[in-house]
Amino acid sequence: QVQLVESGGGLVQPGGSLRLSCVASGFTFSSYVMRWYRQAPGKERELVASIGRTGDGTNHADSVKGRFTISRDNAKNTMYLQMNSLLPEDTAVYYCNRRSATYEYWGLGTQVTVSS
C-alpha cells in the first residue's frame, strides 16, 4: 500500500535551516508529481511546494520562495524540502502528499518549530 513517511523536523532558531525528507513506498514514485503541505495551529493546510515527476518542474508558495527548495531523488524514492532562513511563521506540521485521480495520500507529518 502507499506509504509516505516524513522526517527531519525539529526545533530551530529563527534564521536557521532544516531539511525535511519524505520516503515513499508502495507505488512507482517517479510517476507522480509530489507536494509538500504545512498546517499551522488554527490554520488551514496550505501548499508549500510541488515538484514534477523528473524533478525539473518546481513551484513554491510566495511565502517560502527564495528560502525553501523542493527536490527529489527518484532512485531513493525520496522527496526533500530544504528550508533556510526559517521564520517563526514557518512553524507548522509539514506533510508529504501524492494525488491520484480519485484519492489523496498523506504522511503523518513532521513538526517544525521555529522559536528562540
N, C-alpha and C. Protein backbone atom coordinates (compact mmCIF):
# COMPACT_ATOMS: atom_id res chain seq x y z
N GLN A 1 0.83 -1.17 0.00
CA GLN A 1 0.00 0.00 0.00
C GLN A 1 0.88 1.25 0.00
N VAL A 2 0.29 2.35 -0.40
CA VAL A 2 1.01 3.62 -0.45
C VAL A 2 1.39 4.06 0.95
N GLN A 3 2.66 4.38 1.12
CA GLN A 3 3.13 4.94 2.39
C GLN A 3 4.02 6.13 2.12
N LEU A 4 3.83 7.17 2.90
CA LEU A 4 4.65 8.37 2.85
C LEU A 4 5.12 8.65 4.28
N VAL A 5 6.42 8.72 4.47
CA VAL A 5 6.97 8.90 5.81
C VAL A 5 7.88 10.11 5.83
N GLU A 6 7.45 11.13 6.57
CA GLU A 6 8.24 12.35 6.68
C GLU A 6 9.20 12.27 7.87
N SER A 7 10.31 12.99 7.76
CA SER A 7 11.26 13.10 8.86
C SER A 7 12.06 14.38 8.68
N GLY A 8 12.82 14.73 9.72
CA GLY A 8 13.71 15.87 9.63
C GLY A 8 13.25 17.12 10.36
N GLY A 9 12.05 17.09 10.90
CA GLY A 9 11.57 18.25 11.63
C GLY A 9 12.28 18.40 12.97
N GLY A 10 11.98 19.51 13.64
CA GLY A 10 12.57 19.75 14.94
C GLY A 10 12.41 21.19 15.37
N LEU A 11 13.13 21.53 16.42
CA LEU A 11 13.14 22.90 16.94
C LEU A 11 14.37 23.62 16.42
N VAL A 12 14.16 24.80 15.85
CA VAL A 12 15.28 25.56 15.28
C VAL A 12 15.06 27.04 15.59
N GLN A 13 16.14 27.77 15.74
CA GLN A 13 16.05 29.20 15.99
C GLN A 13 15.73 29.96 14.70
N PRO A 14 15.11 31.13 14.81
CA PRO A 14 14.90 31.95 13.61
C PRO A 14 16.20 32.17 12.87
N GLY A 15 16.11 32.06 11.55
CA GLY A 15 17.30 32.18 10.71
C GLY A 15 18.00 30.87 10.45
N GLY A 16 17.59 29.83 11.14
CA GLY A 16 18.21 28.52 10.97
C GLY A 16 17.70 27.75 9.77
N SER A 17 18.19 26.52 9.64
CA SER A 17 17.86 25.68 8.49
C SER A 17 17.47 24.28 8.95
N LEU A 18 16.63 23.65 8.16
CA LEU A 18 16.28 22.25 8.32
C LEU A 18 16.10 21.64 6.94
N ARG A 19 16.31 20.32 6.85
CA ARG A 19 15.97 19.61 5.62
C ARG A 19 15.00 18.49 5.96
N LEU A 20 13.84 18.57 5.37
CA LEU A 20 12.83 17.53 5.54
C LEU A 20 12.97 16.48 4.45
N SER A 21 12.64 15.24 4.80
CA SER A 21 12.64 14.14 3.84
C SER A 21 11.28 13.47 3.86
N CYS A 22 10.90 12.93 2.72
CA CYS A 22 9.68 12.13 2.60
C CYS A 22 10.06 10.87 1.83
N VAL A 23 10.02 9.73 2.50
CA VAL A 23 10.31 8.46 1.85
C VAL A 23 9.00 7.81 1.43
N ALA A 24 8.92 7.46 0.15
CA ALA A 24 7.69 6.90 -0.41
C ALA A 24 7.86 5.41 -0.69
N SER A 25 6.78 4.66 -0.55
CA SER A 25 6.78 3.25 -0.89
C SER A 25 5.38 2.83 -1.31
N GLY A 26 5.32 1.69 -2.00
CA GLY A 26 4.03 1.14 -2.39
C GLY A 26 3.52 1.64 -3.73
N PHE A 27 4.30 2.44 -4.44
CA PHE A 27 3.91 2.92 -5.76
C PHE A 27 5.16 3.33 -6.52
N THR A 28 5.00 3.58 -7.81
CA THR A 28 6.12 3.99 -8.65
C THR A 28 6.34 5.49 -8.45
N PHE A 29 7.27 5.80 -7.58
CA PHE A 29 7.48 7.18 -7.14
C PHE A 29 7.71 8.13 -8.31
N SER A 30 8.50 7.69 -9.29
CA SER A 30 8.88 8.57 -10.40
C SER A 30 7.72 8.89 -11.33
N SER A 31 6.58 8.28 -11.12
CA SER A 31 5.42 8.52 -11.99
C SER A 31 4.49 9.62 -11.49
N TYR A 32 4.82 10.20 -10.34
CA TYR A 32 3.88 11.13 -9.72
C TYR A 32 4.51 12.47 -9.36
N VAL A 33 3.74 13.52 -9.61
CA VAL A 33 4.04 14.82 -9.02
C VAL A 33 3.90 14.68 -7.51
N MET A 34 4.80 15.30 -6.78
CA MET A 34 4.77 15.23 -5.32
C MET A 34 4.69 16.64 -4.74
N ARG A 35 4.15 16.73 -3.55
CA ARG A 35 3.92 18.04 -2.93
C ARG A 35 4.26 18.03 -1.45
N TRP A 36 4.66 19.19 -0.95
CA TRP A 36 4.77 19.44 0.48
C TRP A 36 3.65 20.41 0.86
N TYR A 37 2.97 20.10 1.95
CA TYR A 37 1.98 20.98 2.55
C TYR A 37 2.41 21.25 3.99
N ARG A 38 1.81 22.27 4.58
CA ARG A 38 2.00 22.50 6.00
C ARG A 38 0.71 23.01 6.63
N GLN A 39 0.60 22.77 7.95
CA GLN A 39 -0.57 23.23 8.68
C GLN A 39 -0.12 23.77 10.03
N ALA A 40 -0.35 25.05 10.22
CA ALA A 40 -0.04 25.70 11.48
C ALA A 40 -1.26 25.60 12.41
N PRO A 41 -1.04 25.70 13.71
CA PRO A 41 -2.17 25.62 14.65
C PRO A 41 -3.25 26.64 14.34
N GLY A 42 -4.49 26.17 14.24
CA GLY A 42 -5.61 27.05 14.00
C GLY A 42 -5.75 27.54 12.57
N LYS A 43 -4.92 27.02 11.67
CA LYS A 43 -4.98 27.45 10.27
C LYS A 43 -5.25 26.28 9.35
N GLU A 44 -5.67 26.59 8.13
CA GLU A 44 -5.90 25.55 7.14
C GLU A 44 -4.57 25.04 6.59
N ARG A 45 -4.62 23.81 6.11
CA ARG A 45 -3.44 23.24 5.47
C ARG A 45 -3.17 24.01 4.18
N GLU A 46 -1.90 24.33 3.93
CA GLU A 46 -1.55 25.11 2.74
C GLU A 46 -0.44 24.41 1.95
N LEU A 47 -0.49 24.60 0.64
CA LEU A 47 0.52 24.05 -0.24
C LEU A 47 1.80 24.87 -0.12
N VAL A 48 2.91 24.19 0.11
CA VAL A 48 4.21 24.85 0.25
C VAL A 48 4.98 24.78 -1.07
N ALA A 49 5.03 23.59 -1.66
CA ALA A 49 5.81 23.42 -2.88
C ALA A 49 5.39 22.13 -3.58
N SER A 50 5.64 22.11 -4.90
CA SER A 50 5.37 20.91 -5.68
C SER A 50 6.54 20.67 -6.62
N ILE A 51 6.67 19.41 -7.06
CA ILE A 51 7.77 19.06 -7.94
C ILE A 51 7.29 18.04 -8.96
N GLY A 52 7.71 18.21 -10.22
CA GLY A 52 7.31 17.31 -11.28
C GLY A 52 7.97 15.95 -11.16
N ARG A 53 7.53 15.05 -12.03
CA ARG A 53 7.96 13.66 -11.92
C ARG A 53 9.45 13.47 -12.07
N THR A 54 10.08 14.26 -12.93
CA THR A 54 11.51 14.13 -13.12
C THR A 54 12.30 15.15 -12.30
N GLY A 55 11.62 16.00 -11.57
CA GLY A 55 12.29 16.98 -10.73
C GLY A 55 12.59 18.30 -11.42
N ASP A 56 12.22 18.41 -12.69
CA ASP A 56 12.58 19.62 -13.42
C ASP A 56 11.52 20.71 -13.36
N GLY A 57 10.36 20.41 -12.82
CA GLY A 57 9.33 21.43 -12.71
C GLY A 57 8.96 21.64 -11.26
N THR A 58 9.35 22.78 -10.70
CA THR A 58 9.06 23.05 -9.29
C THR A 58 8.27 24.34 -9.15
N ASN A 59 7.46 24.37 -8.12
CA ASN A 59 6.73 25.59 -7.76
C ASN A 59 6.77 25.74 -6.24
N HIS A 60 6.91 26.98 -5.80
CA HIS A 60 6.97 27.27 -4.38
C HIS A 60 5.97 28.37 -4.04
N ALA A 61 5.34 28.26 -2.90
CA ALA A 61 4.44 29.31 -2.44
C ALA A 61 5.20 30.62 -2.27
N ASP A 62 4.52 31.72 -2.49
CA ASP A 62 5.18 33.02 -2.38
C ASP A 62 5.80 33.22 -1.00
N SER A 63 5.16 32.66 0.02
CA SER A 63 5.62 32.84 1.39
C SER A 63 6.96 32.17 1.67
N VAL A 64 7.36 31.21 0.83
CA VAL A 64 8.62 30.50 1.06
C VAL A 64 9.61 30.67 -0.08
N LYS A 65 9.19 31.34 -1.14
CA LYS A 65 10.05 31.49 -2.32
C LYS A 65 11.35 32.18 -1.94
N GLY A 66 12.46 31.61 -2.43
CA GLY A 66 13.76 32.15 -2.11
C GLY A 66 14.37 31.62 -0.82
N ARG A 67 13.55 30.94 -0.01
CA ARG A 67 14.04 30.38 1.26
C ARG A 67 13.97 28.86 1.28
N PHE A 68 12.94 28.29 0.67
CA PHE A 68 12.76 26.85 0.64
C PHE A 68 13.02 26.33 -0.77
N THR A 69 13.52 25.09 -0.84
CA THR A 69 13.75 24.44 -2.13
C THR A 69 13.28 23.00 -2.07
N ILE A 70 12.38 22.65 -2.97
CA ILE A 70 11.91 21.27 -3.07
C ILE A 70 12.79 20.52 -4.06
N SER A 71 13.04 19.25 -3.79
CA SER A 71 13.81 18.41 -4.71
C SER A 71 13.40 16.96 -4.49
N ARG A 72 13.88 16.09 -5.37
CA ARG A 72 13.57 14.68 -5.25
C ARG A 72 14.71 13.85 -5.79
N ASP A 73 14.79 12.61 -5.30
CA ASP A 73 15.75 11.61 -5.78
C ASP A 73 14.93 10.36 -6.10
N ASN A 74 14.63 10.17 -7.37
CA ASN A 74 13.77 9.04 -7.75
C ASN A 74 14.44 7.69 -7.50
N ALA A 75 15.75 7.66 -7.52
CA ALA A 75 16.46 6.41 -7.24
C ALA A 75 16.28 5.98 -5.79
N LYS A 76 16.02 6.95 -4.91
CA LYS A 76 15.84 6.67 -3.49
C LYS A 76 14.38 6.78 -3.05
N ASN A 77 13.48 7.02 -4.00
CA ASN A 77 12.06 7.19 -3.67
C ASN A 77 11.86 8.23 -2.58
N THR A 78 12.58 9.31 -2.67
CA THR A 78 12.60 10.31 -1.61
C THR A 78 12.44 11.72 -2.17
N MET A 79 11.63 12.50 -1.46
CA MET A 79 11.47 13.92 -1.76
C MET A 79 12.03 14.71 -0.58
N TYR A 80 12.54 15.91 -0.88
CA TYR A 80 13.15 16.73 0.15
C TYR A 80 12.56 18.14 0.16
N LEU A 81 12.71 18.80 1.29
CA LEU A 81 12.41 20.22 1.37
C LEU A 81 13.52 20.86 2.19
N GLN A 82 14.38 21.58 1.50
CA GLN A 82 15.44 22.33 2.17
C GLN A 82 14.86 23.68 2.60
N MET A 83 14.91 23.95 3.89
CA MET A 83 14.32 25.17 4.44
C MET A 83 15.42 26.01 5.08
N ASN A 84 15.65 27.18 4.53
CA ASN A 84 16.65 28.11 5.04
C ASN A 84 15.97 29.38 5.53
N SER A 85 16.71 30.17 6.30
CA SER A 85 16.20 31.46 6.80
C SER A 85 14.82 31.29 7.42
N LEU A 86 14.69 30.31 8.27
CA LEU A 86 13.39 30.00 8.85
C LEU A 86 12.88 31.13 9.73
N LEU A 87 11.56 31.31 9.69
CA LEU A 87 10.87 32.36 10.44
C LEU A 87 9.90 31.71 11.42
N PRO A 88 9.54 32.40 12.48
CA PRO A 88 8.56 31.83 13.41
C PRO A 88 7.25 31.44 12.72
N GLU A 89 6.87 32.16 11.69
CA GLU A 89 5.63 31.84 10.99
C GLU A 89 5.73 30.58 10.13
N ASP A 90 6.92 30.00 10.03
CA ASP A 90 7.08 28.71 9.35
C ASP A 90 6.74 27.54 10.28
N THR A 91 6.49 27.83 11.54
CA THR A 91 6.13 26.78 12.49
C THR A 91 4.84 26.10 12.05
N ALA A 92 4.90 24.78 11.89
CA ALA A 92 3.76 24.01 11.39
C ALA A 92 4.13 22.54 11.37
N VAL A 93 3.13 21.72 11.14
CA VAL A 93 3.37 20.32 10.79
C VAL A 93 3.47 20.27 9.27
N TYR A 94 4.53 19.65 8.78
CA TYR A 94 4.77 19.56 7.34
C TYR A 94 4.42 18.15 6.86
N TYR A 95 3.65 18.10 5.77
CA TYR A 95 3.14 16.85 5.23
C TYR A 95 3.58 16.63 3.79
N CYS A 96 3.83 15.38 3.50
CA CYS A 96 4.12 14.91 2.15
C CYS A 96 2.79 14.49 1.52
N ASN A 97 2.63 14.75 0.22
CA ASN A 97 1.34 14.48 -0.43
C ASN A 97 1.53 13.93 -1.83
N ARG A 98 0.71 12.95 -2.15
CA ARG A 98 0.63 12.43 -3.51
C ARG A 98 -0.84 12.31 -3.89
N ARG A 99 -1.18 12.75 -5.08
CA ARG A 99 -2.57 12.68 -5.54
C ARG A 99 -2.72 11.64 -6.63
N SER A 100 -3.88 10.98 -6.63
CA SER A 100 -4.26 10.19 -7.79
C SER A 100 -5.54 10.83 -8.35
N ALA A 101 -6.13 10.22 -9.34
CA ALA A 101 -7.35 10.78 -9.92
C ALA A 101 -8.49 10.81 -8.92
N THR A 102 -8.46 9.91 -7.97
CA THR A 102 -9.61 9.76 -7.07
C THR A 102 -9.26 9.88 -5.60
N TYR A 103 -8.00 10.02 -5.27
CA TYR A 103 -7.62 9.96 -3.85
C TYR A 103 -6.36 10.76 -3.60
N GLU A 104 -6.24 11.24 -2.37
CA GLU A 104 -5.01 11.89 -1.95
C GLU A 104 -4.38 11.09 -0.83
N TYR A 105 -3.07 10.94 -0.90
CA TYR A 105 -2.34 10.22 0.14
C TYR A 105 -1.50 11.22 0.93
N TRP A 106 -1.48 11.02 2.24
CA TRP A 106 -0.74 11.90 3.14
C TRP A 106 0.13 11.08 4.07
N GLY A 107 1.27 11.65 4.44
CA GLY A 107 2.04 11.09 5.53
C GLY A 107 1.48 11.57 6.85
N LEU A 108 2.12 11.16 7.94
CA LEU A 108 1.68 11.58 9.28
C LEU A 108 2.20 12.95 9.65
N GLY A 109 3.19 13.43 8.91
CA GLY A 109 3.71 14.76 9.14
C GLY A 109 4.92 14.79 10.06
N THR A 110 5.65 15.89 9.98
CA THR A 110 6.79 16.13 10.86
C THR A 110 6.69 17.57 11.36
N GLN A 111 6.88 17.74 12.67
CA GLN A 111 6.70 19.05 13.29
C GLN A 111 7.95 19.91 13.11
N VAL A 112 7.74 21.12 12.66
CA VAL A 112 8.81 22.12 12.58
C VAL A 112 8.41 23.28 13.49
N THR A 113 9.29 23.60 14.43
CA THR A 113 9.05 24.71 15.34
C THR A 113 10.21 25.69 15.25
N VAL A 114 9.89 26.92 14.93
CA VAL A 114 10.91 27.97 14.81
C VAL A 114 10.71 28.95 15.96
N SER A 115 11.64 28.92 16.88
CA SER A 115 11.50 29.73 18.08
C SER A 115 12.85 29.97 18.72
N SER A 116 12.99 31.14 19.34
CA SER A 116 14.23 31.42 20.08
C SER A 116 14.05 31.06 21.55
